[in-house]
Amino acid sequence: MPKSKRNKVVSLTKVKKKDKEWKEGLVSQIHSNIDEYPKVFLLRYENFRNEKFKELREKVRSTSKFCLGSNKVLKVALGNSAAEEYKTNLSELADDIRGNAGLLFSSLSREEVAKMIEDFEFMDYARAGAEATEDFALPAGPVLQYGEPIAHTLEPTLRQHGMPTKLNKGVVELVSDYTVCSEGDTLTPDQAALLRIFGVMMAKFQMTLVGVWEDDEYTRLLEDEEDE
């Protein structure tokens, strides 16, 4: 008869920084979720936006629970090895946890979860430190915002963010052509602020399915991923 892996004592001595009680509480919650739901999906996400995530979490509340936390704590909860894993083969899922990762505990089918994740995609303004996905430049002359002359009250703000502007009879003008950013740039705070002013969204909040654990078996779904 297979040895039960429930009620395993999990050591958190290798997980640093956050409060020990909080970490232990998260581990306990993950174990409870594993016991409650038949599937555990591993997700990766980009350009996380809390409000949109809250909407998704509420949408699936009756069938699923998300857990986003420290990767180290997630790995400890699942088990870093066959000897430590909470249930059989959860350590294989733990091996794939890296980057911006999270868990989804669900009673939904793989197909339903795959469609939910595929449909979940939202554009937002990029933040400082993000990579510009396209070129954005403005020509010399009157500055337009959403197709209309920009409010003259914004002229000091534009100058503060590096644009060579001036007021000409109440009209904001660019003294010369100005490139806000080029594709591939790591955005500075000034560039991010200007993109927001002109309504240019370059951040896509999206998630990717990496793998799923079900019936004591782990299946990697992101087959083209290279090991890091």
C-alpha atoms as a PDB file:
ATOM      1  CA  MET A   1       0.000   0.000   0.000  1.00  0.00           C
ATOM      2  CA  PRO A   2       1.480   3.411  -0.991  1.00  0.00           C
ATOM      3  CA  LYS A   3       2.840   5.457   1.855  1.00  0.00           C
ATOM      4  CA  SER A   4       0.584   8.412   2.703  1.00  0.00           C
ATOM      5  CA  LYS A   5       2.178  11.801   2.157  1.00  0.00           C
ATOM      6  CA  ARG A   6      -0.464  13.809   4.006  1.00  0.00           C
ATOM      7  CA  ASN A   7       0.253  15.651   7.225  1.00  0.00           C
ATOM      8  CA  LYS A   8       3.918  15.898   6.228  1.00  0.00           C
ATOM      9  CA  VAL A   9       5.936  18.324   8.353  1.00  0.00           C
ATOM     10  CA  VAL A  10       7.384  20.924   6.012  1.00  0.00           C
ATOM     11  CA  SER A  11      10.578  22.718   7.020  1.00  0.00           C
ATOM     12  CA  LEU A  12      10.783  26.387   6.119  1.00  0.00           C
ATOM     13  CA  THR A  13      14.351  26.926   7.249  1.00  0.00           C
ATOM     14  CA  LYS A  14      15.529  27.404   3.656  1.00  0.00           C
ATOM     15  CA  VAL A  15      12.904  30.031   2.851  1.00  0.00           C
ATOM     16  CA  LYS A  16      13.976  33.484   3.956  1.00  0.00           C
ATOM     17  CA  LYS A  17      12.648  37.017   4.423  1.00  0.00           C
ATOM     18  CA  LYS A  18       8.855  36.868   4.861  1.00  0.00           C
ATOM     19  CA  ASP A  19       7.256  36.238   8.205  1.00  0.00           C
ATOM     20  CA  LYS A  20       7.434  32.583   9.223  1.00  0.00           C
ATOM     21  CA  GLU A  21       3.797  32.407  10.316  1.00  0.00           C
ATOM     22  CA  TRP A  22       2.637  33.825   6.989  1.00  0.00           C
ATOM     23  CA  LYS A  23       4.719  31.283   5.084  1.00  0.00           C
ATOM     24  CA  GLU A  24       3.440  28.416   7.196  1.00  0.00           C
ATOM     25  CA  GLY A  25      -0.121  29.622   6.656  1.00  0.00           C
ATOM     26  CA  LEU A  26       0.411  29.704   2.894  1.00  0.00           C
ATOM     27  CA  VAL A  27       1.861  26.191   2.911  1.00  0.00           C
ATOM     28  CA  SER A  28      -1.143  24.942   4.894  1.00  0.00           C
ATOM     29  CA  GLN A  29      -3.532  26.650   2.479  1.00  0.00           C
ATOM     30  CA  ILE A  30      -1.783  25.088  -0.520  1.00  0.00           C
ATOM     31  CA  HIS A  31      -2.044  21.640   1.076  1.00  0.00           C
ATOM     32  CA  SER A  32      -5.738  22.230   1.793  1.00  0.00           C
ATOM     33  CA  ASN A  33      -6.312  23.259  -1.823  1.00  0.00           C
ATOM     34  CA  ILE A  34      -4.510  20.174  -3.115  1.00  0.00           C
ATOM     35  CA  ASP A  35      -6.783  18.013  -0.975  1.00  0.00           C
ATOM     36  CA  GLU A  36      -9.904  19.870  -2.130  1.00  0.00           C
ATOM     37  CA  TYR A  37      -9.319  20.122  -5.889  1.00  0.00           C
ATOM     38  CA  PRO A  38      -8.435  17.296  -8.305  1.00  0.00           C
ATOM     39  CA  LYS A  39      -6.058  19.343 -10.465  1.00  0.00           C
ATOM     40  CA  VAL A  40      -3.173  21.729  -9.878  1.00  0.00           C
ATOM     41  CA  PHE A  41      -2.185  23.898 -12.833  1.00  0.00           C
ATOM     42  CA  LEU A  42       1.122  25.768 -13.027  1.00  0.00           C
ATOM     43  CA  LEU A  43       0.858  29.209 -14.644  1.00  0.00           C
ATOM     44  CA  ARG A  44       3.280  31.895 -15.730  1.00  0.00           C
ATOM     45  CA  TYR A  45       2.215  35.505 -16.167  1.00  0.00           C
ATOM     46  CA  GLU A  46       3.506  38.729 -17.663  1.00  0.00           C
ATOM     47  CA  ASN A  47       2.726  42.347 -16.757  1.00  0.00           C
ATOM     48  CA  PHE A  48       0.547  41.430 -13.784  1.00  0.00           C
ATOM     49  CA  ARG A  49      -2.359  43.796 -13.107  1.00  0.00           C
ATOM     50  CA  ASN A  50      -4.154  43.287  -9.808  1.00  0.00           C
ATOM     51  CA  GLU A  51      -7.602  44.607 -10.757  1.00  0.00           C
ATOM     52  CA  LYS A  52      -7.899  42.366 -13.819  1.00  0.00           C
ATOM     53  CA  PHE A  53      -6.658  39.406 -11.816  1.00  0.00           C
ATOM     54  CA  LYS A  54      -9.305  40.048  -9.163  1.00  0.00           C
ATOM     55  CA  GLU A  55     -11.985  39.926 -11.869  1.00  0.00           C
ATOM     56  CA  LEU A  56     -10.745  36.536 -13.079  1.00  0.00           C
ATOM     57  CA  ARG A  57     -10.478  35.180  -9.540  1.00  0.00           C
ATOM     58  CA  GLU A  58     -14.091  36.161  -8.835  1.00  0.00           C
ATOM     59  CA  LYS A  59     -15.251  34.651 -12.115  1.00  0.00           C
ATOM     60  CA  VAL A  60     -13.919  31.179 -11.250  1.00  0.00           C
ATOM     61  CA  ARG A  61     -14.422  31.294  -7.470  1.00  0.00           C
ATOM     62  CA  SER A  62     -16.996  28.477  -7.505  1.00  0.00           C
ATOM     63  CA  THR A  63     -14.660  26.031  -9.275  1.00  0.00           C
ATOM     64  CA  SER A  64     -11.085  27.155  -8.688  1.00  0.00           C
ATOM     65  CA  LYS A  65      -8.595  28.946  -6.453  1.00  0.00           C
ATOM     66  CA  PHE A  66      -5.446  30.824  -7.414  1.00  0.00           C
ATOM     67  CA  CYS A  67      -2.269  31.041  -5.382  1.00  0.00           C
ATOM     68  CA  LEU A  68       0.424  33.573  -6.269  1.00  0.00           C
ATOM     69  CA  GLY A  69       3.294  33.767  -3.828  1.00  0.00           C
ATOM     70  CA  SER A  70       7.016  33.384  -3.378  1.00  0.00           C
ATOM     71  CA  ASN A  71       8.342  30.689  -5.701  1.00  0.00           C
ATOM     72  CA  LYS A  72      10.425  29.289  -2.846  1.00  0.00           C
ATOM     73  CA  VAL A  73       7.367  28.907  -0.638  1.00  0.00           C
ATOM     74  CA  LEU A  74       5.359  27.315  -3.451  1.00  0.00           C
ATOM     75  CA  LYS A  75       8.156  24.800  -4.001  1.00  0.00           C
ATOM     76  CA  VAL A  76       8.442  24.018  -0.300  1.00  0.00           C
ATOM     77  CA  ALA A  77       4.669  23.447  -0.089  1.00  0.00           C
ATOM     78  CA  LEU A  78       4.669  21.065  -3.059  1.00  0.00           C
ATOM     79  CA  GLY A  79       7.979  19.419  -2.194  1.00  0.00           C
ATOM     80  CA  ASN A  80      11.404  19.913  -3.713  1.00  0.00           C
ATOM     81  CA  SER A  81      12.061  16.185  -4.039  1.00  0.00           C
ATOM     82  CA  ALA A  82      10.235  12.861  -4.116  1.00  0.00           C
ATOM     83  CA  ALA A  83      11.026  12.420  -0.429  1.00  0.00           C
ATOM     84  CA  GLU A  84       9.576  15.818   0.497  1.00  0.00           C
ATOM     85  CA  GLU A  85       6.603  16.120  -1.873  1.00  0.00           C
ATOM     86  CA  TYR A  86       3.132  16.490  -0.366  1.00  0.00           C
ATOM     87  CA  LYS A  87       1.668  14.032  -2.873  1.00  0.00           C
ATOM     88  CA  THR A  88       3.195  11.792  -5.515  1.00  0.00           C
ATOM     89  CA  ASN A  89       4.946  13.653  -8.360  1.00  0.00           C
ATOM     90  CA  LEU A  90       4.189  17.166  -7.079  1.00  0.00           C
ATOM     91  CA  SER A  91       7.960  17.706  -6.946  1.00  0.00           C
ATOM     92  CA  GLU A  92       7.955  17.487 -10.755  1.00  0.00           C
ATOM     93  CA  LEU A  93       5.569  20.426 -10.874  1.00  0.00           C
ATOM     94  CA  ALA A  94       7.760  22.257  -8.366  1.00  0.00           C
ATOM     95  CA  ASP A  95      10.753  21.786 -10.681  1.00  0.00           C
ATOM     96  CA  ASP A  96       8.967  23.888 -13.314  1.00  0.00           C
ATOM     97  CA  ILE A  97       8.277  26.834 -10.985  1.00  0.00           C
ATOM     98  CA  ARG A  98      10.379  29.797 -12.068  1.00  0.00           C
ATOM     99  CA  GLY A  99       9.925  33.417 -13.044  1.00  0.00           C
ATOM    100  CA  ASN A 100       6.502  34.959 -12.479  1.00  0.00           C
ATOM    101  CA  ALA A 101       4.624  31.818 -11.520  1.00  0.00           C
ATOM    102  CA  GLY A 102       1.441  30.830  -9.725  1.00  0.00           C
ATOM    103  CA  LEU A 103      -0.799  27.851  -9.033  1.00  0.00           C
ATOM    104  CA  LEU A 104      -4.423  27.243  -9.985  1.00  0.00           C
ATOM    105  CA  PHE A 105      -6.311  24.580  -8.062  1.00  0.00           C
ATOM    106  CA  SER A 106      -9.381  23.595 -10.041  1.00  0.00           C
ATOM    107  CA  SER A 107     -12.186  21.160 -10.707  1.00  0.00           C
ATOM    108  CA  LEU A 108     -12.452  22.427 -14.290  1.00  0.00           C
ATOM    109  CA  SER A 109     -11.264  20.265 -17.171  1.00  0.00           C
ATOM    110  CA  ARG A 110      -7.922  20.910 -18.842  1.00  0.00           C
ATOM    111  CA  GLU A 111      -9.766  22.181 -21.907  1.00  0.00           C
ATOM    112  CA  GLU A 112     -11.831  24.641 -19.877  1.00  0.00           C
ATOM    113  CA  VAL A 113      -8.781  25.996 -18.086  1.00  0.00           C
ATOM    114  CA  ALA A 114      -6.815  26.237 -21.335  1.00  0.00           C
ATOM    115  CA  LYS A 115      -9.593  28.298 -22.943  1.00  0.00           C
ATOM    116  CA  MET A 116      -9.940  30.507 -19.874  1.00  0.00           C
ATOM    117  CA  ILE A 117      -6.210  31.271 -19.877  1.00  0.00           C
ATOM    118  CA  GLU A 118      -6.106  31.784 -23.647  1.00  0.00           C
ATOM    119  CA  ASP A 119      -9.000  34.253 -23.490  1.00  0.00           C
ATOM    120  CA  PHE A 120      -7.472  36.169 -20.584  1.00  0.00           C
ATOM    121  CA  GLU A 121      -5.450  38.971 -22.169  1.00  0.00           C
ATOM    122  CA  PHE A 122      -5.536  42.689 -21.434  1.00  0.00           C
ATOM    123  CA  MET A 123      -3.547  45.678 -22.632  1.00  0.00           C
ATOM    124  CA  ASP A 124      -2.377  48.330 -20.184  1.00  0.00           C
ATOM    125  CA  TYR A 125       0.170  51.103 -19.899  1.00  0.00           C
ATOM    126  CA  ALA A 126       3.748  49.892 -19.579  1.00  0.00           C
ATOM    127  CA  ARG A 127       5.621  50.751 -16.420  1.00  0.00           C
ATOM    128  CA  ALA A 128       9.180  51.927 -15.968  1.00  0.00           C
ATOM    129  CA  GLY A 129      11.542  49.001 -16.502  1.00  0.00           C
ATOM    130  CA  ALA A 130       9.300  47.288 -19.049  1.00  0.00           C
ATOM    131  CA  GLU A 131      10.423  46.770 -22.630  1.00  0.00           C
ATOM    132  CA  ALA A 132       8.971  49.011 -25.359  1.00  0.00           C
ATOM    133  CA  THR A 133       7.126  46.886 -27.907  1.00  0.00           C
ATOM    134  CA  GLU A 134       7.089  49.495 -30.679  1.00  0.00           C
ATOM    135  CA  ASP A 135       8.505  52.834 -31.803  1.00  0.00           C
ATOM    136  CA  PHE A 136       6.630  55.945 -30.745  1.00  0.00           C
ATOM    137  CA  ALA A 137       7.602  59.393 -31.977  1.00  0.00           C
ATOM    138  CA  LEU A 138       5.979  62.788 -32.380  1.00  0.00           C
ATOM    139  CA  PRO A 139       6.627  65.295 -35.190  1.00  0.00           C
ATOM    140  CA  ALA A 140       7.611  68.922 -34.673  1.00  0.00           C
ATOM    141  CA  GLY A 141       4.704  71.342 -34.481  1.00  0.00           C
ATOM    142  CA  PRO A 142       1.408  71.335 -32.571  1.00  0.00           C
ATOM    143  CA  VAL A 143       1.182  68.425 -30.120  1.00  0.00           C
ATOM    144  CA  LEU A 144      -1.927  66.275 -30.471  1.00  0.00           C
ATOM    145  CA  GLN A 145      -3.520  64.045 -27.850  1.00  0.00           C
ATOM    146  CA  TYR A 146      -6.221  61.634 -29.059  1.00  0.00           C
ATOM    147  CA  GLY A 147      -6.383  63.574 -32.322  1.00  0.00           C
ATOM    148  CA  GLU A 148      -6.959  66.967 -30.678  1.00  0.00           C
ATOM    149  CA  PRO A 149      -4.543  69.718 -29.572  1.00  0.00           C
ATOM    150  CA  ILE A 150      -3.236  68.784 -26.141  1.00  0.00           C
ATOM    151  CA  ALA A 151      -4.310  70.990 -23.221  1.00  0.00           C
ATOM    152  CA  HIS A 152      -1.944  73.889 -22.693  1.00  0.00           C
ATOM    153  CA  THR A 153      -1.847  73.075 -18.966  1.00  0.00           C
ATOM    154  CA  LEU A 154       0.089  69.896 -19.797  1.00  0.00           C
ATOM    155  CA  GLU A 155       2.980  71.725 -21.437  1.00  0.00           C
ATOM    156  CA  PRO A 156       5.078  71.982 -18.219  1.00  0.00           C
ATOM    157  CA  THR A 157       4.499  68.271 -17.610  1.00  0.00           C
ATOM    158  CA  LEU A 158       5.722  67.376 -21.099  1.00  0.00           C
ATOM    159  CA  ARG A 159       8.856  69.464 -20.598  1.00  0.00           C
ATOM    160  CA  GLN A 160       9.404  67.886 -17.196  1.00  0.00           C
ATOM    161  CA  HIS A 161       9.454  64.472 -18.918  1.00  0.00           C
ATOM    162  CA  GLY A 162      12.007  65.601 -21.496  1.00  0.00           C
ATOM    163  CA  MET A 163       9.980  66.788 -24.485  1.00  0.00           C
ATOM    164  CA  PRO A 164      11.280  70.011 -26.130  1.00  0.00           C
ATOM    165  CA  THR A 165       7.967  71.897 -26.037  1.00  0.00           C
ATOM    166  CA  LYS A 166       6.872  75.515 -25.873  1.00  0.00           C
ATOM    167  CA  LEU A 167       3.615  77.453 -25.765  1.00  0.00           C
ATOM    168  CA  ASN A 168       2.771  79.425 -28.876  1.00  0.00           C
ATOM    169  CA  LYS A 169      -0.360  81.545 -28.375  1.00  0.00           C
ATOM    170  CA  GLY A 170      -1.827  78.925 -26.076  1.00  0.00           C
ATOM    171  CA  VAL A 171      -0.918  75.997 -28.341  1.00  0.00           C
ATOM    172  CA  VAL A 172       1.590  73.388 -27.174  1.00  0.00           C
ATOM    173  CA  GLU A 173       4.246  72.863 -29.846  1.00  0.00           C
ATOM    174  CA  LEU A 174       7.223  70.569 -30.249  1.00  0.00           C
ATOM    175  CA  VAL A 175      10.318  72.517 -31.189  1.00  0.00           C
ATOM    176  CA  SER A 176      11.684  69.486 -33.083  1.00  0.00           C
ATOM    177  CA  ASP A 177      10.764  65.897 -33.884  1.00  0.00           C
ATOM    178  CA  TYR A 178      10.877  63.813 -30.728  1.00  0.00           C
ATOM    179  CA  THR A 179      11.228  60.054 -30.252  1.00  0.00           C
ATOM    180  CA  VAL A 180       9.564  58.979 -27.032  1.00  0.00           C
ATOM    181  CA  CYS A 181      10.853  55.414 -27.307  1.00  0.00           C
ATOM    182  CA  SER A 182      12.123  52.823 -29.748  1.00  0.00           C
ATOM    183  CA  GLU A 183      11.162  49.160 -29.847  1.00  0.00           C
ATOM    184  CA  GLY A 184      13.304  47.208 -27.404  1.00  0.00           C
ATOM    185  CA  ASP A 185      14.052  50.161 -25.112  1.00  0.00           C
ATOM    186  CA  THR A 186      13.902  49.565 -21.372  1.00  0.00           C
ATOM    187  CA  LEU A 187      11.423  52.276 -20.474  1.00  0.00           C
ATOM    188  CA  THR A 188      12.462  55.034 -18.093  1.00  0.00           C
ATOM    189  CA  PRO A 189       9.928  56.672 -15.740  1.00  0.00           C
ATOM    190  CA  ASP A 190       9.761  59.661 -18.133  1.00  0.00           C
ATOM    191  CA  GLN A 191       9.080  57.471 -21.168  1.00  0.00           C
ATOM    192  CA  ALA A 192       6.414  55.487 -19.309  1.00  0.00           C
ATOM    193  CA  ALA A 193       4.725  58.712 -18.203  1.00  0.00           C
ATOM    194  CA  LEU A 194       4.694  60.117 -21.739  1.00  0.00           C
ATOM    195  CA  LEU A 195       3.246  56.919 -23.198  1.00  0.00           C
ATOM    196  CA  ARG A 196       0.435  57.124 -20.646  1.00  0.00           C
ATOM    197  CA  ILE A 197      -0.249  60.774 -21.500  1.00  0.00           C
ATOM    198  CA  PHE A 198      -0.601  59.912 -25.173  1.00  0.00           C
ATOM    199  CA  GLY A 199      -2.660  56.779 -24.566  1.00  0.00           C
ATOM    200  CA  VAL A 200      -0.101  54.310 -25.894  1.00  0.00           C
ATOM    201  CA  MET A 201      -0.455  50.888 -24.238  1.00  0.00           C
ATOM    202  CA  MET A 202       2.475  48.495 -24.546  1.00  0.00           C
ATOM    203  CA  ALA A 203       1.947  46.084 -21.625  1.00  0.00           C
ATOM    204  CA  LYS A 204      -0.014  42.876 -22.190  1.00  0.00           C
ATOM    205  CA  PHE A 205      -1.191  41.122 -19.039  1.00  0.00           C
ATOM    206  CA  GLN A 206      -1.424  37.480 -20.022  1.00  0.00           C
ATOM    207  CA  MET A 207      -0.928  34.035 -18.561  1.00  0.00           C
ATOM    208  CA  THR A 208       0.484  30.797 -19.954  1.00  0.00           C
ATOM    209  CA  LEU A 209      -0.241  27.229 -18.900  1.00  0.00           C
ATOM    210  CA  VAL A 210       3.001  25.418 -18.060  1.00  0.00           C
ATOM    211  CA  GLY A 211       1.751  22.111 -16.695  1.00  0.00           C
ATOM    212  CA  VAL A 212      -0.899  20.239 -14.736  1.00  0.00           C
ATOM    213  CA  TRP A 213      -0.859  17.706 -11.890  1.00  0.00           C
ATOM    214  CA  GLU A 214      -3.761  15.243 -11.757  1.00  0.00           C
ATOM    215  CA  ASP A 215      -4.198  11.712 -10.388  1.00  0.00           C
ATOM    216  CA  ASP A 216      -0.651  11.750  -8.977  1.00  0.00           C
ATOM    217  CA  GLU A 217       0.832  12.488 -12.407  1.00  0.00           C
ATOM    218  CA  TYR A 218       2.432  15.706 -13.682  1.00  0.00           C
ATOM    219  CA  THR A 219       2.189  16.648 -17.359  1.00  0.00           C
ATOM    220  CA  ARG A 220       4.132  19.536 -18.839  1.00  0.00           C
ATOM    221  CA  LEU A 221       1.916  21.398 -21.299  1.00  0.00           C
ATOM    222  CA  LEU A 222       4.441  23.978 -22.485  1.00  0.00           C
ATOM    223  CA  GLU A 223       6.328  21.554 -24.680  1.00  0.00           C
ATOM    224  CA  ASP A 224       8.457  24.127 -26.523  1.00  0.00           C
ATOM    225  CA  GLU A 225       9.933  25.586 -23.333  1.00  0.00           C
ATOM    226  CA  GLU A 226      13.668  25.346 -22.970  1.00  0.00           C
ATOM    227  CA  ASP A 227      15.071  24.382 -19.607  1.00  0.00           C
ATOM    228  CA  GLU A 228      16.643  27.319 -17.820  1.00  0.00           C
END
